[in-house]
C-alpha atoms as a PDB file:
ATOM      1  CA  MET A   1      -0.144  -0.338   0.119  1.00  0.00           C
ATOM      2  CA  ASN A   2       1.534   3.377  -1.223  1.00  0.00           C
ATOM      3  CA  LYS A   3      -1.652   5.496  -0.179  1.00  0.00           C
ATOM      4  CA  ILE A   4      -4.175   5.966   2.264  1.00  0.00           C
ATOM      5  CA  THR A   5      -7.144   8.358   2.704  1.00  0.00           C
ATOM      6  CA  ILE A   6      -8.902   8.626   6.008  1.00  0.00           C
ATOM      7  CA  LYS A   7     -11.419  11.286   7.525  1.00  0.00           C
ATOM      8  CA  GLY A   8     -10.766  13.157  10.811  1.00  0.00           C
ATOM      9  CA  TYR A   9     -13.722  13.831  12.678  1.00  0.00           C
ATOM     10  CA  ALA A  10     -15.151  17.298  14.312  1.00  0.00           C
ATOM     11  CA  LYS A  11     -16.080  16.856  17.819  1.00  0.00           C
ATOM     12  CA  ILE A  12     -18.640  18.465  20.264  1.00  0.00           C
ATOM     13  CA  ASN A  13     -18.553  18.905  24.266  1.00  0.00           C
ATOM     14  CA  LEU A  14     -21.999  17.637  25.453  1.00  0.00           C
ATOM     15  CA  VAL A  15     -20.021  18.796  29.117  1.00  0.00           C
ATOM     16  CA  LEU A  16     -17.085  20.800  29.333  1.00  0.00           C
ATOM     17  CA  ASP A  17     -16.252  21.310  33.446  1.00  0.00           C
ATOM     18  CA  VAL A  18     -13.162  22.997  34.780  1.00  0.00           C
ATOM     19  CA  VAL A  19     -12.308  20.907  37.891  1.00  0.00           C
ATOM     20  CA  GLY A  20      -8.633  22.452  39.050  1.00  0.00           C
ATOM     21  CA  ARG A  21      -4.997  23.867  37.976  1.00  0.00           C
ATOM     22  CA  LEU A  22      -1.676  22.187  37.489  1.00  0.00           C
ATOM     23  CA  ASP A  23       1.433  24.447  38.543  1.00  0.00           C
ATOM     24  CA  ASN A  24       2.182  24.119  34.625  1.00  0.00           C
ATOM     25  CA  GLY A  25      -0.952  26.399  34.195  1.00  0.00           C
ATOM     26  CA  TYR A  26      -3.070  23.750  32.327  1.00  0.00           C
ATOM     27  CA  HIS A  27      -6.228  23.260  33.568  1.00  0.00           C
ATOM     28  CA  LEU A  28      -7.403  20.074  34.881  1.00  0.00           C
ATOM     29  CA  LEU A  29     -11.102  18.915  33.275  1.00  0.00           C
ATOM     30  CA  ARG A  30     -13.884  16.645  33.416  1.00  0.00           C
ATOM     31  CA  SER A  31     -15.711  16.712  29.910  1.00  0.00           C
ATOM     32  CA  ILE A  32     -17.773  14.370  27.712  1.00  0.00           C
ATOM     33  CA  MET A  33     -17.030  14.487  24.287  1.00  0.00           C
ATOM     34  CA  GLN A  34     -18.911  13.193  21.233  1.00  0.00           C
ATOM     35  CA  GLN A  35     -17.644  12.923  17.577  1.00  0.00           C
ATOM     36  CA  ILE A  36     -20.011  14.091  15.100  1.00  0.00           C
ATOM     37  CA  ASP A  37     -19.794  13.346  11.431  1.00  0.00           C
ATOM     38  CA  ILE A  38     -18.348  16.410  10.290  1.00  0.00           C
ATOM     39  CA  PHE A  39     -15.020  15.485   9.064  1.00  0.00           C
ATOM     40  CA  ASP A  40     -11.756  16.780   7.105  1.00  0.00           C
ATOM     41  CA  VAL A  41     -10.702  14.102   4.298  1.00  0.00           C
ATOM     42  CA  ILE A  42      -6.794  13.475   4.627  1.00  0.00           C
ATOM     43  CA  THR A  43      -4.693  11.558   1.810  1.00  0.00           C
ATOM     44  CA  ILE A  44      -1.491  10.114   2.802  1.00  0.00           C
ATOM     45  CA  GLU A  45       1.002   8.841   0.171  1.00  0.00           C
ATOM     46  CA  LYS A  46       4.714   7.479   0.714  1.00  0.00           C
ATOM     47  CA  ILE A  47       7.416   9.400  -0.923  1.00  0.00           C
ATOM     48  CA  PRO A  48      11.288   9.153  -1.378  1.00  0.00           C
ATOM     49  CA  SER A  49      12.021  11.543   1.738  1.00  0.00           C
ATOM     50  CA  GLY A  50      10.633  14.096   3.482  1.00  0.00           C
ATOM     51  CA  ILE A  51       7.105  15.893   4.221  1.00  0.00           C
ATOM     52  CA  HIS A  52       5.346  17.592   1.696  1.00  0.00           C
ATOM     53  CA  PHE A  53       2.073  19.153   3.118  1.00  0.00           C
ATOM     54  CA  THR A  54      -0.699  20.754   0.877  1.00  0.00           C
ATOM     55  CA  THR A  55      -4.561  21.867   1.768  1.00  0.00           C
ATOM     56  CA  ASN A  56      -7.183  23.073   0.051  1.00  0.00           C
ATOM     57  CA  SER A  57      -7.526  25.821   2.852  1.00  0.00           C
ATOM     58  CA  THR A  58      -6.125  29.385   2.683  1.00  0.00           C
ATOM     59  CA  ALA A  59      -6.318  29.678   6.596  1.00  0.00           C
ATOM     60  CA  ILE A  60      -4.194  26.285   7.395  1.00  0.00           C
ATOM     61  CA  PRO A  61      -0.638  26.421   7.264  1.00  0.00           C
ATOM     62  CA  VAL A  62       1.776  24.049   5.978  1.00  0.00           C
ATOM     63  CA  ASP A  63       4.751  23.875   8.164  1.00  0.00           C
ATOM     64  CA  GLU A  64       5.815  22.629  11.383  1.00  0.00           C
ATOM     65  CA  SER A  65       3.247  25.272  12.977  1.00  0.00           C
ATOM     66  CA  ASN A  66       0.098  22.277  11.541  1.00  0.00           C
ATOM     67  CA  LEU A  67      -0.749  19.983  13.999  1.00  0.00           C
ATOM     68  CA  ALA A  68      -0.998  17.283  11.448  1.00  0.00           C
ATOM     69  CA  TYR A  69       2.932  17.956   9.938  1.00  0.00           C
ATOM     70  CA  ARG A  70       4.054  17.282  13.263  1.00  0.00           C
ATOM     71  CA  ALA A  71       1.819  14.497  13.799  1.00  0.00           C
ATOM     72  CA  ALA A  72       3.957  12.876  10.813  1.00  0.00           C
ATOM     73  CA  GLN A  73       7.158  14.178  11.734  1.00  0.00           C
ATOM     74  CA  MET A  74       6.830  12.611  15.106  1.00  0.00           C
ATOM     75  CA  ILE A  75       6.150   9.575  13.886  1.00  0.00           C
ATOM     76  CA  LEU A  76       8.387   8.872  11.198  1.00  0.00           C
ATOM     77  CA  GLN A  77      11.543  10.218  13.730  1.00  0.00           C
ATOM     78  CA  LYS A  78      10.263   7.591  16.283  1.00  0.00           C
ATOM     79  CA  TYR A  79      10.017   4.824  14.529  1.00  0.00           C
ATOM     80  CA  HIS A  80      12.892   5.513  12.178  1.00  0.00           C
ATOM     81  CA  ILE A  81      10.955   5.623   8.756  1.00  0.00           C
ATOM     82  CA  GLU A  82      13.392   6.624   6.260  1.00  0.00           C
ATOM     83  CA  GLU A  83      10.308   7.188   3.585  1.00  0.00           C
ATOM     84  CA  GLY A  84       8.724  10.811   3.285  1.00  0.00           C
ATOM     85  CA  VAL A  85       5.139  11.593   3.406  1.00  0.00           C
ATOM     86  CA  SER A  86       2.674  13.586   0.666  1.00  0.00           C
ATOM     87  CA  ILE A  87      -0.196  14.902   2.773  1.00  0.00           C
ATOM     88  CA  HIS A  88      -2.883  16.550   1.040  1.00  0.00           C
ATOM     89  CA  LEU A  89      -5.628  17.992   3.672  1.00  0.00           C
ATOM     90  CA  GLU A  90      -9.176  18.542   2.054  1.00  0.00           C
ATOM     91  CA  LYS A  91     -10.504  20.954   5.464  1.00  0.00           C
ATOM     92  CA  ARG A  92     -14.007  20.922   6.023  1.00  0.00           C
ATOM     93  CA  ILE A  93     -14.303  21.343   9.406  1.00  0.00           C
ATOM     94  CA  PRO A  94     -14.356  25.023  10.521  1.00  0.00           C
ATOM     95  CA  VAL A  95     -10.746  26.512  11.751  1.00  0.00           C
ATOM     96  CA  ALA A  96     -10.649  27.848  14.967  1.00  0.00           C
ATOM     97  CA  ALA A  97     -14.293  26.724  15.913  1.00  0.00           C
ATOM     98  CA  GLY A  98     -13.906  24.632  19.212  1.00  0.00           C
ATOM     99  CA  LEU A  99     -14.617  21.426  16.963  1.00  0.00           C
ATOM    100  CA  ALA A 100     -11.087  19.834  17.600  1.00  0.00           C
ATOM    101  CA  GLY A 101     -10.222  20.074  14.101  1.00  0.00           C
ATOM    102  CA  GLY A 102      -6.655  20.707  14.274  1.00  0.00           C
ATOM    103  CA  SER A 103      -6.791  17.855  16.299  1.00  0.00           C
ATOM    104  CA  ALA A 104      -9.048  15.429  14.356  1.00  0.00           C
ATOM    105  CA  ASP A 105      -6.001  15.860  11.579  1.00  0.00           C
ATOM    106  CA  ALA A 106      -3.433  14.917  13.652  1.00  0.00           C
ATOM    107  CA  ALA A 107      -4.866  11.665  15.043  1.00  0.00           C
ATOM    108  CA  ALA A 108      -6.098  11.110  11.070  1.00  0.00           C
ATOM    109  CA  VAL A 109      -2.167  11.303  10.448  1.00  0.00           C
ATOM    110  CA  PHE A 110      -1.419   9.665  13.373  1.00  0.00           C
ATOM    111  CA  LYS A 111      -3.555   6.921  12.247  1.00  0.00           C
ATOM    112  CA  GLY A 112      -2.999   6.834   8.723  1.00  0.00           C
ATOM    113  CA  ILE A 113       1.132   6.559   8.811  1.00  0.00           C
ATOM    114  CA  ASN A 114       0.676   3.735  11.119  1.00  0.00           C
ATOM    115  CA  ASP A 115      -1.755   1.586   8.902  1.00  0.00           C
ATOM    116  CA  LEU A 116       0.188   3.139   5.839  1.00  0.00           C
ATOM    117  CA  PHE A 117       3.800   1.702   6.904  1.00  0.00           C
ATOM    118  CA  GLU A 118       2.162  -1.347   9.158  1.00  0.00           C
ATOM    119  CA  LEU A 119       3.473  -0.214  11.921  1.00  0.00           C
ATOM    120  CA  HIS A 120       0.781  -2.241  13.864  1.00  0.00           C
ATOM    121  CA  LEU A 121       0.763   0.484  16.944  1.00  0.00           C
ATOM    122  CA  THR A 122      -1.902   0.031  19.588  1.00  0.00           C
ATOM    123  CA  LEU A 123      -4.465   3.113  20.051  1.00  0.00           C
ATOM    124  CA  GLN A 124      -3.059   3.885  22.922  1.00  0.00           C
ATOM    125  CA  GLU A 125       0.637   3.985  22.013  1.00  0.00           C
ATOM    126  CA  LEU A 126      -0.702   6.495  19.208  1.00  0.00           C
ATOM    127  CA  GLN A 127      -2.762   8.624  21.971  1.00  0.00           C
ATOM    128  CA  GLU A 128       0.901   8.561  24.036  1.00  0.00           C
ATOM    129  CA  MET A 129       2.331   9.968  20.999  1.00  0.00           C
ATOM    130  CA  GLY A 130      -0.454  12.415  20.351  1.00  0.00           C
ATOM    131  CA  VAL A 131      -0.941  13.565  24.044  1.00  0.00           C
ATOM    132  CA  LYS A 132       2.649  15.367  23.760  1.00  0.00           C
ATOM    133  CA  LEU A 133       0.983  17.467  20.245  1.00  0.00           C
ATOM    134  CA  GLY A 134      -2.594  18.337  22.006  1.00  0.00           C
ATOM    135  CA  ALA A 135      -4.729  17.588  24.949  1.00  0.00           C
ATOM    136  CA  ASP A 136      -7.935  16.622  22.458  1.00  0.00           C
ATOM    137  CA  ILE A 137      -5.541  14.229  20.274  1.00  0.00           C
ATOM    138  CA  PRO A 138      -5.952  11.166  22.191  1.00  0.00           C
ATOM    139  CA  PHE A 139      -9.677  11.457  21.825  1.00  0.00           C
ATOM    140  CA  CYS A 140      -9.592  12.226  18.561  1.00  0.00           C
ATOM    141  CA  ILE A 141      -7.748   9.111  17.865  1.00  0.00           C
ATOM    142  CA  SER A 142     -10.130   6.807  19.971  1.00  0.00           C
ATOM    143  CA  GLY A 143     -13.204   8.506  18.896  1.00  0.00           C
ATOM    144  CA  LYS A 144     -16.756   8.022  19.403  1.00  0.00           C
ATOM    145  CA  SER A 145     -17.996   9.599  23.017  1.00  0.00           C
ATOM    146  CA  ALA A 146     -15.840   9.594  26.194  1.00  0.00           C
ATOM    147  CA  LEU A 147     -15.727  11.192  29.161  1.00  0.00           C
ATOM    148  CA  ALA A 148     -12.341  13.206  29.179  1.00  0.00           C
ATOM    149  CA  GLU A 149     -10.275  13.752  32.871  1.00  0.00           C
ATOM    150  CA  GLY A 150      -6.961  15.042  33.405  1.00  0.00           C
ATOM    151  CA  ILE A 151      -5.765  17.848  30.452  1.00  0.00           C
ATOM    152  CA  GLY A 152      -7.859  15.681  28.565  1.00  0.00           C
ATOM    153  CA  GLU A 153      -6.098  12.859  27.771  1.00  0.00           C
ATOM    154  CA  GLN A 154      -7.520  10.164  30.629  1.00  0.00           C
ATOM    155  CA  LEU A 155     -10.323   9.286  28.331  1.00  0.00           C
ATOM    156  CA  THR A 156     -13.283   6.578  29.598  1.00  0.00           C
ATOM    157  CA  GLN A 157     -15.362   5.334  26.408  1.00  0.00           C
ATOM    158  CA  LEU A 158     -19.006   5.984  26.855  1.00  0.00           C
ATOM    159  CA  SER A 159     -20.385   2.633  24.613  1.00  0.00           C
ATOM    160  CA  VAL A 160     -23.950   3.830  24.873  1.00  0.00           C
ATOM    161  CA  ILE A 161     -25.690   7.065  23.593  1.00  0.00           C
ATOM    162  CA  PRO A 162     -29.316   7.794  22.417  1.00  0.00           C
ATOM    163  CA  THR A 163     -30.158   8.435  18.989  1.00  0.00           C
ATOM    164  CA  MET A 164     -29.478  12.211  18.130  1.00  0.00           C
ATOM    165  CA  TYR A 165     -28.464  14.969  15.794  1.00  0.00           C
ATOM    166  CA  VAL A 166     -26.679  18.299  15.616  1.00  0.00           C
ATOM    167  CA  VAL A 167     -26.720  21.278  13.825  1.00  0.00           C
ATOM    168  CA  ILE A 168     -23.640  23.393  14.474  1.00  0.00           C
ATOM    169  CA  ALA A 169     -23.442  27.360  13.829  1.00  0.00           C
ATOM    170  CA  LYS A 170     -19.949  28.347  13.684  1.00  0.00           C
ATOM    171  CA  PRO A 171     -20.212  32.313  13.494  1.00  0.00           C
ATOM    172  CA  PRO A 172     -17.096  34.580  11.327  1.00  0.00           C
ATOM    173  CA  ILE A 173     -15.383  35.419  14.572  1.00  0.00           C
ATOM    174  CA  ASP A 174     -12.229  33.722  15.875  1.00  0.00           C
ATOM    175  CA  VAL A 175     -11.296  32.943  20.404  1.00  0.00           C
ATOM    176  CA  SER A 176      -8.655  32.655  21.706  1.00  0.00           C
ATOM    177  CA  THR A 177      -8.627  29.632  24.209  1.00  0.00           C
ATOM    178  CA  GLN A 178      -5.873  31.279  25.930  1.00  0.00           C
ATOM    179  CA  TYR A 179      -7.656  34.354  26.641  1.00  0.00           C
ATOM    180  CA  VAL A 180     -10.928  32.332  27.925  1.00  0.00           C
ATOM    181  CA  TYR A 181      -9.155  30.162  30.636  1.00  0.00           C
ATOM    182  CA  GLN A 182      -6.951  32.968  31.594  1.00  0.00           C
ATOM    183  CA  HIS A 183     -10.577  35.126  32.511  1.00  0.00           C
ATOM    184  CA  LEU A 184     -12.244  32.306  33.775  1.00  0.00           C
ATOM    185  CA  ASP A 185     -13.161  32.661  37.151  1.00  0.00           C
ATOM    186  CA  ARG A 186     -12.852  29.633  38.915  1.00  0.00           C
ATOM    187  CA  GLU A 187     -14.026  30.553  42.263  1.00  0.00           C
ATOM    188  CA  HIS A 188     -18.011  31.325  40.963  1.00  0.00           C
ATOM    189  CA  LEU A 189     -18.304  28.432  38.619  1.00  0.00           C
ATOM    190  CA  THR A 190     -21.630  26.981  38.022  1.00  0.00           C
ATOM    191  CA  HIS A 191     -20.415  23.085  37.673  1.00  0.00           C
ATOM    192  CA  PRO A 192     -22.341  20.663  34.809  1.00  0.00           C
ATOM    193  CA  ASP A 193     -23.576  17.326  36.610  1.00  0.00           C
ATOM    194  CA  THR A 194     -21.217  15.666  34.335  1.00  0.00           C
ATOM    195  CA  ASP A 195     -22.003  12.357  35.907  1.00  0.00           C
ATOM    196  CA  GLY A 196     -25.556  13.030  35.718  1.00  0.00           C
ATOM    197  CA  MET A 197     -24.946  13.429  32.294  1.00  0.00           C
ATOM    198  CA  ILE A 198     -22.948   9.959  31.759  1.00  0.00           C
ATOM    199  CA  LYS A 199     -26.158   8.383  33.464  1.00  0.00           C
ATOM    200  CA  ALA A 200     -27.975  10.155  30.536  1.00  0.00           C
ATOM    201  CA  LEU A 201     -26.377   8.652  28.025  1.00  0.00           C
ATOM    202  CA  ALA A 202     -26.019   4.968  29.479  1.00  0.00           C
ATOM    203  CA  ASN A 203     -29.354   5.149  30.044  1.00  0.00           C
ATOM    204  CA  ARG A 204     -30.260   6.508  26.116  1.00  0.00           C
ATOM    205  CA  ASP A 205     -32.508   9.443  28.030  1.00  0.00           C
ATOM    206  CA  TYR A 206     -32.275  11.771  25.088  1.00  0.00           C
ATOM    207  CA  MET A 207     -34.270  14.453  26.992  1.00  0.00           C
ATOM    208  CA  GLU A 208     -32.197  14.213  30.041  1.00  0.00           C
ATOM    209  CA  VAL A 209     -29.204  14.254  27.734  1.00  0.00           C
ATOM    210  CA  THR A 210     -30.393  17.924  26.627  1.00  0.00           C
ATOM    211  CA  ARG A 211     -31.024  19.005  30.751  1.00  0.00           C
ATOM    212  CA  ARG A 212     -27.674  18.375  31.483  1.00  0.00           C
ATOM    213  CA  LEU A 213     -25.763  20.088  28.773  1.00  0.00           C
ATOM    214  CA  GLY A 214     -23.437  22.345  30.259  1.00  0.00           C
ATOM    215  CA  ASN A 215     -19.777  24.157  29.612  1.00  0.00           C
ATOM    216  CA  VAL A 216     -18.378  26.359  32.185  1.00  0.00           C
ATOM    217  CA  LEU A 217     -16.369  28.184  29.407  1.00  0.00           C
ATOM    218  CA  GLU A 218     -19.562  30.222  28.223  1.00  0.00           C
ATOM    219  CA  SER A 219     -19.547  32.443  31.095  1.00  0.00           C
ATOM    220  CA  VAL A 220     -16.394  33.865  29.384  1.00  0.00           C
ATOM    221  CA  THR A 221     -17.220  33.735  25.700  1.00  0.00           C
ATOM    222  CA  THR A 222     -20.777  34.477  25.917  1.00  0.00           C
ATOM    223  CA  GLN A 223     -19.774  37.831  27.612  1.00  0.00           C
ATOM    224  CA  GLU A 224     -17.461  38.795  24.939  1.00  0.00           C
ATOM    225  CA  TYR A 225     -19.375  37.685  21.947  1.00  0.00           C
ATOM    226  CA  SER A 226     -23.204  38.518  22.359  1.00  0.00           C
ATOM    227  CA  ILE A 227     -23.287  36.114  18.894  1.00  0.00           C
ATOM    228  CA  ILE A 228     -22.757  33.132  21.043  1.00  0.00           C
ATOM    229  CA  GLY A 229     -26.168  33.495  22.942  1.00  0.00           C
ATOM    230  CA  GLN A 230     -28.320  34.645  20.123  1.00  0.00           C
ATOM    231  CA  LEU A 231     -27.208  31.479  17.726  1.00  0.00           C
ATOM    232  CA  LYS A 232     -28.247  29.250  21.507  1.00  0.00           C
ATOM    233  CA  GLN A 233     -31.503  31.140  21.670  1.00  0.00           C
ATOM    234  CA  ALA A 234     -32.181  30.570  17.604  1.00  0.00           C
ATOM    235  CA  MET A 235     -31.468  26.839  17.801  1.00  0.00           C
ATOM    236  CA  LEU A 236     -33.963  26.628  20.482  1.00  0.00           C
ATOM    237  CA  GLU A 237     -36.119  28.561  18.852  1.00  0.00           C
ATOM    238  CA  ASN A 238     -35.629  26.272  15.565  1.00  0.00           C
ATOM    239  CA  GLY A 239     -36.884  23.192  17.160  1.00  0.00           C
ATOM    240  CA  ALA A 240     -33.366  22.436  19.122  1.00  0.00           C
ATOM    241  CA  ASP A 241     -34.181  20.342  22.384  1.00  0.00           C
ATOM    242  CA  GLY A 242     -31.073  21.526  23.651  1.00  0.00           C
ATOM    243  CA  ALA A 243     -28.513  23.853  22.997  1.00  0.00           C
ATOM    244  CA  LEU A 244     -24.591  24.870  24.203  1.00  0.00           C
ATOM    245  CA  MET A 245     -21.280  25.917  22.905  1.00  0.00           C
ATOM    246  CA  SER A 246     -18.251  23.725  22.145  1.00  0.00           C
ATOM    247  CA  GLY A 247     -15.395  23.943  23.394  1.00  0.00           C
ATOM    248  CA  SER A 248     -13.812  27.686  24.201  1.00  0.00           C
ATOM    249  CA  GLY A 249     -16.057  28.600  21.402  1.00  0.00           C
ATOM    250  CA  PRO A 250     -17.073  30.600  19.079  1.00  0.00           C
ATOM    251  CA  THR A 251     -19.153  27.479  17.560  1.00  0.00           C
ATOM    252  CA  VAL A 252     -22.914  26.833  18.988  1.00  0.00           C
ATOM    253  CA  PHE A 253     -24.616  23.331  18.624  1.00  0.00           C
ATOM    254  CA  GLY A 254     -28.198  22.291  18.973  1.00  0.00           C
ATOM    255  CA  LEU A 255     -29.481  18.701  19.735  1.00  0.00           C
ATOM    256  CA  PHE A 256     -32.276  17.284  17.379  1.00  0.00           C
ATOM    257  CA  THR A 257     -34.407  13.442  17.562  1.00  0.00           C
ATOM    258  CA  SER A 258     -34.030  13.291  13.981  1.00  0.00           C
ATOM    259  CA  MET A 259     -32.155  14.625  10.878  1.00  0.00           C
ATOM    260  CA  GLU A 260     -35.125  15.333   9.381  1.00  0.00           C
ATOM    261  CA  LEU A 261     -35.742  18.010  12.423  1.00  0.00           C
ATOM    262  CA  ALA A 262     -31.858  19.058  12.062  1.00  0.00           C
ATOM    263  CA  LYS A 263     -32.259  19.870   8.254  1.00  0.00           C
ATOM    264  CA  GLU A 264     -34.788  21.712   8.314  1.00  0.00           C
ATOM    265  CA  ALA A 265     -33.307  23.751  11.540  1.00  0.00           C
ATOM    266  CA  GLU A 266     -30.039  24.444   8.862  1.00  0.00           C
ATOM    267  CA  ASN A 267     -32.066  25.535   6.509  1.00  0.00           C
ATOM    268  CA  ARG A 268     -34.546  28.306   8.558  1.00  0.00           C
ATOM    269  CA  LEU A 269     -30.699  29.249  10.654  1.00  0.00           C
ATOM    270  CA  GLN A 270     -29.137  29.448   7.370  1.00  0.00           C
ATOM    271  CA  THR A 271     -31.359  32.107   5.941  1.00  0.00           C
ATOM    272  CA  GLN A 272     -31.218  34.063   9.656  1.00  0.00           C
ATOM    273  CA  PHE A 273     -27.410  34.014   9.756  1.00  0.00           C
ATOM    274  CA  PRO A 274     -26.163  34.204   6.034  1.00  0.00           C
ATOM    275  CA  GLU A 275     -22.503  34.894   7.440  1.00  0.00           C
ATOM    276  CA  VAL A 276     -22.479  31.498  10.015  1.00  0.00           C
ATOM    277  CA  PHE A 277     -21.182  28.298   8.860  1.00  0.00           C
ATOM    278  CA  ILE A 278     -24.211  26.081   9.427  1.00  0.00           C
ATOM    279  CA  ARG A 279     -24.408  22.197   9.292  1.00  0.00           C
ATOM    280  CA  ALA A 280     -26.691  19.470  10.135  1.00  0.00           C
ATOM    281  CA  ALA A 281     -24.904  16.195  11.180  1.00  0.00           C
ATOM    282  CA  GLY A 282     -25.101  12.521  12.680  1.00  0.00           C
ATOM    283  CA  CYS A 283     -23.329  11.457  16.003  1.00  0.00           C
ATOM    284  CA  ILE A 284     -20.336   9.148  15.362  1.00  0.00           C
ATOM    285  CA  THR A 285     -21.210   5.799  17.158  1.00  0.00           C
ATOM    286  CA  GLU A 286     -19.422   3.139  15.282  1.00  0.00           C
END
């Protein structure tokens, strides 16, 4: 095999809680992450030497400042692979959106090179490399649904969730994750019920899931950007049973019981917010 194409899936946070902080400045999280069926497409091909990176997006760097590039660099060096790779990234996940697009691309590169060069590395071995580049990468490697703890690298897979669909809405603004964490008032947080969410998911109790949605970072981002609150309200007015900001923002998502309802909301929201990236999608469970 000389060439492989792999998808890198976006994620949303059904719950995101900050429960502490390490001396090195990293925040300790309890978060429930869910992959959704919005993805980048990464094609990796063997070449004689080096890393040749291309993309359809003008917003993406093609050098060592790109997580996917660094993932390729790391795994090729660690396993003394003398050949190189040509990587083409077809970007479909919005950039700087709180959807882990960059982490998803890096995860896809780790998995793709593992398969392309028949390294036979386990998911855990790939995750141990991935966390050195970014806290969301281990989740993006294993995917589906998981409770993430620590800085995000301690994962407990959640094997059962109710059937549900999402509409995501990413406004044309960039949010600095560093700014959000720096301005988080940890003394006065309203913590979401993460354990209650785990139970609701295990029971496939969709309505309970919608009631348990929570993200402590909203307290910072919604104050800075009124569009986030507007999008949450619009989601609910257009039929979502619950709505939340994902990650540090600015993407907002709504939950729906069917793709038909999600598509109807997508169409109405695109009319209301023509400048916003809006997309209906399913959840990845297999």
